[in-house]
Amino acid sequence: MPEYLYLIHPYRDGFFTNPTPEEEAAVAKHFQYLKQAAGNGVVLLAGPCLDETFGLVVFRAENEEAAKTFMFNDPSVKANVMMAELHPFRASLIGH
């Protein structure tokens, strides 16, 4: 199954240092969404950059349309807390 990567960036400056209650709720749902997808073997890797710039999600999808659907169903994207950018991806090396 093809792999994809999406980057997510917060829309609002100050998101990381002073999130609103709505942003916190969307991010909590985002985490659960990705955790469930990881448990189902869809998400391979996900997490935020520690320099508070963006996060990434590496996942599998049948095709680009399914990948877009998965990305746009991310609760943080649906709530307009994060903007998302999709890229086809191939994990060439995976270490232990």
PDB file of N, CA and C in Angstrom:
ATOM      1  N   MET A   1       0.855  -1.176   0.000  1.00  0.00           N
ATOM      2  CA  MET A   1       0.000   0.000   0.000  1.00  0.00           C
ATOM      3  C   MET A   1       0.906   1.246   0.000  1.00  0.00           C
ATOM      4  N   PRO A   2       0.556   2.249  -0.800  1.00  0.00           N
ATOM      5  CA  PRO A   2       1.389   3.461  -0.866  1.00  0.00           C
ATOM      6  C   PRO A   2       1.463   4.189   0.476  1.00  0.00           C
ATOM      7  N   GLU A   3       2.547   4.900   0.646  1.00  0.00           N
ATOM      8  CA  GLU A   3       2.753   5.707   1.853  1.00  0.00           C
ATOM      9  C   GLU A   3       2.645   7.183   1.507  1.00  0.00           C
ATOM     10  N   TYR A   4       2.203   7.945   2.472  1.00  0.00           N
ATOM     11  CA  TYR A   4       2.052   9.392   2.331  1.00  0.00           C
ATOM     12  C   TYR A   4       2.548  10.046   3.610  1.00  0.00           C
ATOM     13  N   LEU A   5       2.819  11.321   3.498  1.00  0.00           N
ATOM     14  CA  LEU A   5       3.221  12.125   4.638  1.00  0.00           C
ATOM     15  C   LEU A   5       2.409  13.410   4.587  1.00  0.00           C
ATOM     16  N   TYR A   6       1.884  13.824   5.740  1.00  0.00           N
ATOM     17  CA  TYR A   6       1.346  15.175   5.774  1.00  0.00           C
ATOM     18  C   TYR A   6       1.952  15.964   6.906  1.00  0.00           C
ATOM     19  N   LEU A   7       2.237  17.217   6.573  1.00  0.00           N
ATOM     20  CA  LEU A   7       2.746  18.174   7.535  1.00  0.00           C
ATOM     21  C   LEU A   7       1.565  18.972   8.048  1.00  0.00           C
ATOM     22  N   ILE A   8       1.562  19.271   9.324  1.00  0.00           N
ATOM     23  CA  ILE A   8       0.526  20.134   9.882  1.00  0.00           C
ATOM     24  C   ILE A   8       1.197  21.304  10.591  1.00  0.00           C
ATOM     25  N   HIS A   9       0.649  22.473  10.337  1.00  0.00           N
ATOM     26  CA  HIS A   9       1.152  23.717  10.908  1.00  0.00           C
ATOM     27  C   HIS A   9      -0.018  24.423  11.581  1.00  0.00           C
ATOM     28  N   PRO A  10       0.187  24.981  12.760  1.00  0.00           N
ATOM     29  CA  PRO A  10      -0.902  25.740  13.373  1.00  0.00           C
ATOM     30  C   PRO A  10      -1.184  27.014  12.570  1.00  0.00           C
ATOM     31  N   TYR A  11      -2.439  27.386  12.514  1.00  0.00           N
ATOM     32  CA  TYR A  11      -2.824  28.615  11.839  1.00  0.00           C
ATOM     33  C   TYR A  11      -2.429  29.853  12.642  1.00  0.00           C
ATOM     34  N   ARG A  12      -2.450  29.738  13.965  1.00  0.00           N
ATOM     35  CA  ARG A  12      -2.326  30.913  14.813  1.00  0.00           C
ATOM     36  C   ARG A  12      -0.970  30.977  15.493  1.00  0.00           C
ATOM     37  N   ASP A  13      -0.325  32.146  15.418  1.00  0.00           N
ATOM     38  CA  ASP A  13       0.873  32.383  16.218  1.00  0.00           C
ATOM     39  C   ASP A  13       0.478  32.275  17.688  1.00  0.00           C
ATOM     40  N   GLY A  14       1.342  31.730  18.482  1.00  0.00           N
ATOM     41  CA  GLY A  14       1.049  31.572  19.900  1.00  0.00           C
ATOM     42  C   GLY A  14       0.320  30.284  20.223  1.00  0.00           C
ATOM     43  N   PHE A  15       0.049  29.485  19.209  1.00  0.00           N
ATOM     44  CA  PHE A  15      -0.665  28.222  19.418  1.00  0.00           C
ATOM     45  C   PHE A  15       0.054  27.346  20.444  1.00  0.00           C
ATOM     46  N   PHE A  16       1.372  27.215  20.309  1.00  0.00           N
ATOM     47  CA  PHE A  16       2.118  26.308  21.182  1.00  0.00           C
ATOM     48  C   PHE A  16       2.268  26.853  22.596  1.00  0.00           C
ATOM     49  N   THR A  17       2.371  28.160  22.742  1.00  0.00           N
ATOM     50  CA  THR A  17       2.607  28.735  24.065  1.00  0.00           C
ATOM     51  C   THR A  17       1.323  29.096  24.791  1.00  0.00           C
ATOM     52  N   ASN A  18       0.252  29.363  24.049  1.00  0.00           N
ATOM     53  CA  ASN A  18      -0.989  29.801  24.683  1.00  0.00           C
ATOM     54  C   ASN A  18      -2.201  29.293  23.896  1.00  0.00           C
ATOM     55  N   PRO A  19      -2.409  27.963  23.869  1.00  0.00           N
ATOM     56  CA  PRO A  19      -3.547  27.436  23.099  1.00  0.00           C
ATOM     57  C   PRO A  19      -4.880  27.795  23.746  1.00  0.00           C
ATOM     58  N   THR A  20      -5.872  27.983  22.899  1.00  0.00           N
ATOM     59  CA  THR A  20      -7.228  28.226  23.392  1.00  0.00           C
ATOM     60  C   THR A  20      -7.835  26.888  23.824  1.00  0.00           C
ATOM     61  N   PRO A  21      -8.901  26.907  24.605  1.00  0.00           N
ATOM     62  CA  PRO A  21      -9.574  25.651  24.965  1.00  0.00           C
ATOM     63  C   PRO A  21     -10.050  24.876  23.725  1.00  0.00           C
ATOM     64  N   GLU A  22     -10.499  25.582  22.698  1.00  0.00           N
ATOM     65  CA  GLU A  22     -10.946  24.921  21.471  1.00  0.00           C
ATOM     66  C   GLU A  22      -9.774  24.228  20.771  1.00  0.00           C
ATOM     67  N   GLU A  23      -8.624  24.898  20.742  1.00  0.00           N
ATOM     68  CA  GLU A  23      -7.438  24.297  20.132  1.00  0.00           C
ATOM     69  C   GLU A  23      -6.988  23.075  20.923  1.00  0.00           C
ATOM     70  N   GLU A  24      -7.000  23.168  22.240  1.00  0.00           N
ATOM     71  CA  GLU A  24      -6.621  22.020  23.068  1.00  0.00           C
ATOM     72  C   GLU A  24      -7.541  20.834  22.830  1.00  0.00           C
ATOM     73  N   ALA A  25      -8.835  21.095  22.705  1.00  0.00           N
ATOM     74  CA  ALA A  25      -9.804  20.016  22.446  1.00  0.00           C
ATOM     75  C   ALA A  25      -9.560  19.387  21.080  1.00  0.00           C
ATOM     76  N   ALA A  26      -9.302  20.207  20.069  1.00  0.00           N
ATOM     77  CA  ALA A  26      -9.047  19.681  18.723  1.00  0.00           C
ATOM     78  C   ALA A  26      -7.775  18.844  18.692  1.00  0.00           C
ATOM     79  N   VAL A  27      -6.744  19.280  19.401  1.00  0.00           N
ATOM     80  CA  VAL A  27      -5.489  18.536  19.431  1.00  0.00           C
ATOM     81  C   VAL A  27      -5.654  17.215  20.193  1.00  0.00           C
ATOM     82  N   ALA A  28      -6.451  17.208  21.235  1.00  0.00           N
ATOM     83  CA  ALA A  28      -6.715  15.952  21.959  1.00  0.00           C
ATOM     84  C   ALA A  28      -7.424  14.956  21.037  1.00  0.00           C
ATOM     85  N   LYS A  29      -8.396  15.431  20.263  1.00  0.00           N
ATOM     86  CA  LYS A  29      -9.095  14.557  19.305  1.00  0.00           C
ATOM     87  C   LYS A  29      -8.145  14.107  18.200  1.00  0.00           C
ATOM     88  N   HIS A  30      -7.274  15.005  17.759  1.00  0.00           N
ATOM     89  CA  HIS A  30      -6.251  14.699  16.753  1.00  0.00           C
ATOM     90  C   HIS A  30      -5.383  13.539  17.239  1.00  0.00           C
ATOM     91  N   PHE A  31      -4.921  13.618  18.493  1.00  0.00           N
ATOM     92  CA  PHE A  31      -4.077  12.572  19.054  1.00  0.00           C
ATOM     93  C   PHE A  31      -4.810  11.235  19.076  1.00  0.00           C
ATOM     94  N   GLN A  32      -6.054  11.225  19.507  1.00  0.00           N
ATOM     95  CA  GLN A  32      -6.834   9.983  19.552  1.00  0.00           C
ATOM     96  C   GLN A  32      -7.065   9.416  18.158  1.00  0.00           C
ATOM     97  N   TYR A  33      -7.329  10.282  17.195  1.00  0.00           N
ATOM     98  CA  TYR A  33      -7.531   9.879  15.789  1.00  0.00           C
ATOM     99  C   TYR A  33      -6.280   9.160  15.277  1.00  0.00           C
ATOM    100  N   LEU A  34      -5.119   9.757  15.506  1.00  0.00           N
ATOM    101  CA  LEU A  34      -3.875   9.153  15.027  1.00  0.00           C
ATOM    102  C   LEU A  34      -3.516   7.902  15.826  1.00  0.00           C
ATOM    103  N   LYS A  35      -3.784   7.903  17.110  1.00  0.00           N
ATOM    104  CA  LYS A  35      -3.503   6.729  17.941  1.00  0.00           C
ATOM    105  C   LYS A  35      -4.326   5.530  17.476  1.00  0.00           C
ATOM    106  N   GLN A  36      -5.602   5.763  17.183  1.00  0.00           N
ATOM    107  CA  GLN A  36      -6.451   4.681  16.688  1.00  0.00           C
ATOM    108  C   GLN A  36      -5.954   4.197  15.323  1.00  0.00           C
ATOM    109  N   ALA A  37      -5.584   5.129  14.445  1.00  0.00           N
ATOM    110  CA  ALA A  37      -5.084   4.755  13.123  1.00  0.00           C
ATOM    111  C   ALA A  37      -3.760   4.004  13.228  1.00  0.00           C
ATOM    112  N   ALA A  38      -2.927   4.355  14.184  1.00  0.00           N
ATOM    113  CA  ALA A  38      -1.673   3.628  14.399  1.00  0.00           C
ATOM    114  C   ALA A  38      -1.974   2.202  14.855  1.00  0.00           C
ATOM    115  N   GLY A  39      -2.950   2.060  15.730  1.00  0.00           N
ATOM    116  CA  GLY A  39      -3.349   0.737  16.196  1.00  0.00           C
ATOM    117  C   GLY A  39      -3.901  -0.135  15.087  1.00  0.00           C
ATOM    118  N   ASN A  40      -4.467   0.502  14.067  1.00  0.00           N
ATOM    119  CA  ASN A  40      -5.016  -0.213  12.917  1.00  0.00           C
ATOM    120  C   ASN A  40      -3.987  -0.417  11.809  1.00  0.00           C
ATOM    121  N   GLY A  41      -2.738   0.019  12.034  1.00  0.00           N
ATOM    122  CA  GLY A  41      -1.683  -0.163  11.045  1.00  0.00           C
ATOM    123  C   GLY A  41      -1.671   0.874   9.936  1.00  0.00           C
ATOM    124  N   VAL A  42      -2.448   1.931  10.060  1.00  0.00           N
ATOM    125  CA  VAL A  42      -2.493   2.974   9.033  1.00  0.00           C
ATOM    126  C   VAL A  42      -1.372   3.982   9.257  1.00  0.00           C
ATOM    127  N   VAL A  43      -1.261   4.515  10.454  1.00  0.00           N
ATOM    128  CA  VAL A  43      -0.218   5.485  10.778  1.00  0.00           C
ATOM    129  C   VAL A  43       1.054   4.743  11.165  1.00  0.00           C
ATOM    130  N   LEU A  44       2.148   5.114  10.516  1.00  0.00           N
ATOM    131  CA  LEU A  44       3.445   4.505  10.792  1.00  0.00           C
ATOM    132  C   LEU A  44       4.267   5.327  11.771  1.00  0.00           C
ATOM    133  N   LEU A  45       4.108   6.647  11.717  1.00  0.00           N
ATOM    134  CA  LEU A  45       4.890   7.557  12.533  1.00  0.00           C
ATOM    135  C   LEU A  45       4.148   8.879  12.610  1.00  0.00           C
ATOM    136  N   ALA A  46       4.110   9.480  13.768  1.00  0.00           N
ATOM    137  CA  ALA A  46       3.479  10.791  13.912  1.00  0.00           C
ATOM    138  C   ALA A  46       4.078  11.497  15.113  1.00  0.00           C
ATOM    139  N   GLY A  47       4.170  12.816  15.014  1.00  0.00           N
ATOM    140  CA  GLY A  47       4.640  13.583  16.153  1.00  0.00           C
ATOM    141  C   GLY A  47       4.951  15.013  15.788  1.00  0.00           C
ATOM    142  N   PRO A  48       5.106  15.842  16.833  1.00  0.00           N
ATOM    143  CA  PRO A  48       5.424  17.255  16.623  1.00  0.00           C
ATOM    144  C   PRO A  48       6.932  17.500  16.632  1.00  0.00           C
ATOM    145  N   CYS A  49       7.354  18.545  15.954  1.00  0.00           N
ATOM    146  CA  CYS A  49       8.735  19.019  16.071  1.00  0.00           C
ATOM    147  C   CYS A  49       8.867  19.718  17.414  1.00  0.00           C
ATOM    148  N   LEU A  50       9.953  19.506  18.076  1.00  0.00           N
ATOM    149  CA  LEU A  50      10.147  20.094  19.396  1.00  0.00           C
ATOM    150  C   LEU A  50      10.498  21.579  19.338  1.00  0.00           C
ATOM    151  N   ASP A  51      10.758  22.091  18.137  1.00  0.00           N
ATOM    152  CA  ASP A  51      10.982  23.533  18.000  1.00  0.00           C
ATOM    153  C   ASP A  51       9.676  24.273  17.724  1.00  0.00           C
ATOM    154  N   GLU A  52       8.558  23.582  17.922  1.00  0.00           N
ATOM    155  CA  GLU A  52       7.215  24.167  17.831  1.00  0.00           C
ATOM    156  C   GLU A  52       6.946  24.825  16.483  1.00  0.00           C
ATOM    157  N   THR A  53       7.310  24.111  15.403  1.00  0.00           N
ATOM    158  CA  THR A  53       7.065  24.640  14.066  1.00  0.00           C
ATOM    159  C   THR A  53       5.996  23.866  13.318  1.00  0.00           C
ATOM    160  N   PHE A  54       6.045  22.547  13.365  1.00  0.00           N
ATOM    161  CA  PHE A  54       5.070  21.730  12.656  1.00  0.00           C
ATOM    162  C   PHE A  54       5.091  20.316  13.201  1.00  0.00           C
ATOM    163  N   GLY A  55       4.114  19.527  12.789  1.00  0.00           N
ATOM    164  CA  GLY A  55       4.072  18.112  13.088  1.00  0.00           C
ATOM    165  C   GLY A  55       4.011  17.341  11.784  1.00  0.00           C
ATOM    166  N   LEU A  56       4.226  16.039  11.858  1.00  0.00           N
ATOM    167  CA  LEU A  56       4.113  15.230  10.654  1.00  0.00           C
ATOM    168  C   LEU A  56       3.444  13.905  10.970  1.00  0.00           C
ATOM    169  N   VAL A  57       2.835  13.365   9.931  1.00  0.00           N
ATOM    170  CA  VAL A  57       2.167  12.068  10.014  1.00  0.00           C
ATOM    171  C   VAL A  57       2.588  11.276   8.789  1.00  0.00           C
ATOM    172  N   VAL A  58       3.174  10.108   8.988  1.00  0.00           N
ATOM    173  CA  VAL A  58       3.498   9.186   7.906  1.00  0.00           C
ATOM    174  C   VAL A  58       2.491   8.050   8.003  1.00  0.00           C
ATOM    175  N   PHE A  59       1.812   7.770   6.888  1.00  0.00           N
ATOM    176  CA  PHE A  59       0.725   6.793   6.920  1.00  0.00           C
ATOM    177  C   PHE A  59       0.561   6.098   5.580  1.00  0.00           C
ATOM    178  N   ARG A  60      -0.247   5.044   5.601  1.00  0.00           N
ATOM    179  CA  ARG A  60      -0.560   4.282   4.384  1.00  0.00           C
ATOM    180  C   ARG A  60      -1.990   4.583   3.958  1.00  0.00           C
ATOM    181  N   ALA A  61      -2.190   4.640   2.641  1.00  0.00           N
ATOM    182  CA  ALA A  61      -3.537   4.816   2.084  1.00  0.00           C
ATOM    183  C   ALA A  61      -3.571   4.139   0.716  1.00  0.00           C
ATOM    184  N   GLU A  62      -4.743   3.734   0.312  1.00  0.00           N
ATOM    185  CA  GLU A  62      -4.913   3.041  -0.971  1.00  0.00           C
ATOM    186  C   GLU A  62      -4.470   3.886  -2.156  1.00  0.00           C
ATOM    187  N   ASN A  63      -4.752   5.179  -2.094  1.00  0.00           N
ATOM    188  CA  ASN A  63      -4.431   6.080  -3.202  1.00  0.00           C
ATOM    189  C   ASN A  63      -4.445   7.512  -2.681  1.00  0.00           C
ATOM    190  N   GLU A  64      -4.167   8.465  -3.568  1.00  0.00           N
ATOM    191  CA  GLU A  64      -4.081   9.858  -3.143  1.00  0.00           C
ATOM    192  C   GLU A  64      -5.415  10.381  -2.621  1.00  0.00           C
ATOM    193  N   GLU A  65      -6.500   9.966  -3.235  1.00  0.00           N
ATOM    194  CA  GLU A  65      -7.819  10.420  -2.770  1.00  0.00           C
ATOM    195  C   GLU A  65      -8.094   9.926  -1.346  1.00  0.00           C
ATOM    196  N   ALA A  66      -7.770   8.671  -1.075  1.00  0.00           N
ATOM    197  CA  ALA A  66      -7.938   8.139   0.283  1.00  0.00           C
ATOM    198  C   ALA A  66      -7.000   8.841   1.261  1.00  0.00           C
ATOM    199  N   ALA A  67      -5.801   9.179   0.810  1.00  0.00           N
ATOM    200  CA  ALA A  67      -4.859   9.902   1.660  1.00  0.00           C
ATOM    201  C   ALA A  67      -5.398  11.291   2.010  1.00  0.00           C
ATOM    202  N   LYS A  68      -5.954  11.972   1.019  1.00  0.00           N
ATOM    203  CA  LYS A  68      -6.547  13.294   1.273  1.00  0.00           C
ATOM    204  C   LYS A  68      -7.705  13.177   2.256  1.00  0.00           C
ATOM    205  N   THR A  69      -8.520  12.166   2.090  1.00  0.00           N
ATOM    206  CA  THR A  69      -9.655  11.966   2.991  1.00  0.00           C
ATOM    207  C   THR A  69      -9.170  11.757   4.416  1.00  0.00           C
ATOM    208  N   PHE A  70      -8.154  10.911   4.586  1.00  0.00           N
ATOM    209  CA  PHE A  70      -7.611  10.675   5.920  1.00  0.00           C
ATOM    210  C   PHE A  70      -7.073  11.971   6.528  1.00  0.00           C
ATOM    211  N   MET A  71      -6.306  12.715   5.745  1.00  0.00           N
ATOM    212  CA  MET A  71      -5.710  13.955   6.236  1.00  0.00           C
ATOM    213  C   MET A  71      -6.785  14.984   6.599  1.00  0.00           C
ATOM    214  N   PHE A  72      -7.766  15.169   5.726  1.00  0.00           N
ATOM    215  CA  PHE A  72      -8.789  16.185   5.981  1.00  0.00           C
ATOM    216  C   PHE A  72      -9.774  15.770   7.067  1.00  0.00           C
ATOM    217  N   ASN A  73      -9.786  14.480   7.442  1.00  0.00           N
ATOM    218  CA  ASN A  73     -10.609  14.030   8.566  1.00  0.00           C
ATOM    219  C   ASN A  73      -9.878  14.134   9.901  1.00  0.00           C
ATOM    220  N   ASP A  74      -8.623  14.521   9.879  1.00  0.00           N
ATOM    221  CA  ASP A  74      -7.882  14.766  11.117  1.00  0.00           C
ATOM    222  C   ASP A  74      -8.629  15.873  11.870  1.00  0.00           C
ATOM    223  N   PRO A  75      -9.026  15.626  13.116  1.00  0.00           N
ATOM    224  CA  PRO A  75      -9.807  16.620  13.852  1.00  0.00           C
ATOM    225  C   PRO A  75      -9.154  17.998  13.964  1.00  0.00           C
ATOM    226  N   SER A  76      -7.836  18.067  14.021  1.00  0.00           N
ATOM    227  CA  SER A  76      -7.186  19.381  14.105  1.00  0.00           C
ATOM    228  C   SER A  76      -7.294  20.140  12.784  1.00  0.00           C
ATOM    229  N   VAL A  77      -7.368  19.409  11.690  1.00  0.00           N
ATOM    230  CA  VAL A  77      -7.541  20.031  10.373  1.00  0.00           C
ATOM    231  C   VAL A  77      -9.004  20.415  10.181  1.00  0.00           C
ATOM    232  N   LYS A  78      -9.904  19.506  10.542  1.00  0.00           N
ATOM    233  CA  LYS A  78     -11.347  19.792  10.400  1.00  0.00           C
ATOM    234  C   LYS A  78     -11.763  21.004  11.228  1.00  0.00           C
ATOM    235  N   ALA A  79     -11.123  21.200  12.378  1.00  0.00           N
ATOM    236  CA  ALA A  79     -11.472  22.311  13.265  1.00  0.00           C
ATOM    237  C   ALA A  79     -10.750  23.604  12.868  1.00  0.00           C
ATOM    238  N   ASN A  80      -9.992  23.568  11.781  1.00  0.00           N
ATOM    239  CA  ASN A  80      -9.221  24.727  11.320  1.00  0.00           C
ATOM    240  C   ASN A  80      -8.224  25.224  12.355  1.00  0.00           C
ATOM    241  N   VAL A  81      -7.702  24.300  13.138  1.00  0.00           N
ATOM    242  CA  VAL A  81      -6.630  24.608  14.079  1.00  0.00           C
ATOM    243  C   VAL A  81      -5.286  24.452  13.364  1.00  0.00           C
ATOM    244  N   MET A  82      -5.215  23.457  12.480  1.00  0.00           N
ATOM    245  CA  MET A  82      -3.991  23.169  11.731  1.00  0.00           C
ATOM    246  C   MET A  82      -4.270  23.197  10.232  1.00  0.00           C
ATOM    247  N   MET A  83      -3.302  23.704   9.480  1.00  0.00           N
ATOM    248  CA  MET A  83      -3.347  23.560   8.027  1.00  0.00           C
ATOM    249  C   MET A  83      -2.516  22.329   7.686  1.00  0.00           C
ATOM    250  N   ALA A  84      -2.894  21.635   6.627  1.00  0.00           N
ATOM    251  CA  ALA A  84      -2.237  20.377   6.288  1.00  0.00           C
ATOM    252  C   ALA A  84      -1.729  20.406   4.852  1.00  0.00           C
ATOM    253  N   GLU A  85      -0.629  19.702   4.641  1.00  0.00           N
ATOM    254  CA  GLU A  85       0.037  19.654   3.340  1.00  0.00           C
ATOM    255  C   GLU A  85       0.423  18.198   3.062  1.00  0.00           C
ATOM    256  N   LEU A  86      -0.142  17.600   2.022  1.00  0.00           N
ATOM    257  CA  LEU A  86       0.052  16.181   1.701  1.00  0.00           C
ATOM    258  C   LEU A  86       1.181  15.989   0.693  1.00  0.00           C
ATOM    259  N   HIS A  87       1.972  14.906   0.910  1.00  0.00           N
ATOM    260  CA  HIS A  87       3.050  14.541  -0.008  1.00  0.00           C
ATOM    261  C   HIS A  87       3.097  13.030  -0.151  1.00  0.00           C
ATOM    262  N   PRO A  88       3.282  12.511  -1.378  1.00  0.00           N
ATOM    263  CA  PRO A  88       3.576  11.081  -1.516  1.00  0.00           C
ATOM    264  C   PRO A  88       4.920  10.823  -0.835  1.00  0.00           C
ATOM    265  N   PHE A  89       5.097   9.638  -0.293  1.00  0.00           N
ATOM    266  CA  PHE A  89       6.280   9.360   0.518  1.00  0.00           C
ATOM    267  C   PHE A  89       6.665   7.901   0.360  1.00  0.00           C
ATOM    268  N   ARG A  90       7.943   7.615   0.524  1.00  0.00           N
ATOM    269  CA  ARG A  90       8.403   6.236   0.564  1.00  0.00           C
ATOM    270  C   ARG A  90       9.424   6.115   1.689  1.00  0.00           C
ATOM    271  N   ALA A  91       9.169   5.244   2.621  1.00  0.00           N
ATOM    272  CA  ALA A  91      10.128   4.987   3.691  1.00  0.00           C
ATOM    273  C   ALA A  91      11.187   4.042   3.136  1.00  0.00           C
ATOM    274  N   SER A  92      12.333   4.582   2.806  1.00  0.00           N
ATOM    275  CA  SER A  92      13.408   3.783   2.195  1.00  0.00           C
ATOM    276  C   SER A  92      14.241   3.049   3.235  1.00  0.00           C
ATOM    277  N   LEU A  93      14.425   3.656   4.401  1.00  0.00           N
ATOM    278  CA  LEU A  93      15.193   3.051   5.479  1.00  0.00           C
ATOM    279  C   LEU A  93      14.445   3.222   6.784  1.00  0.00           C
ATOM    280  N   ILE A  94      14.371   2.162   7.551  1.00  0.00           N
ATOM    281  CA  ILE A  94      13.773   2.230   8.877  1.00  0.00           C
ATOM    282  C   ILE A  94      14.748   1.555   9.825  1.00  0.00           C
ATOM    283  N   GLY A  95      15.219   2.297  10.814  1.00  0.00           N
ATOM    284  CA  GLY A  95      16.170   1.753  11.784  1.00  0.00           C
ATOM    285  C   GLY A  95      15.470   1.135  12.974  1.00  0.00           C
ATOM    286  N   HIS A  96      16.263   0.566  13.842  1.00  0.00           N
ATOM    287  CA  HIS A  96      15.718  -0.055  15.056  1.00  0.00           C
ATOM    288  C   HIS A  96      16.090   0.740  16.252  1.00  0.00           C
TER     289      HIS A  96
END
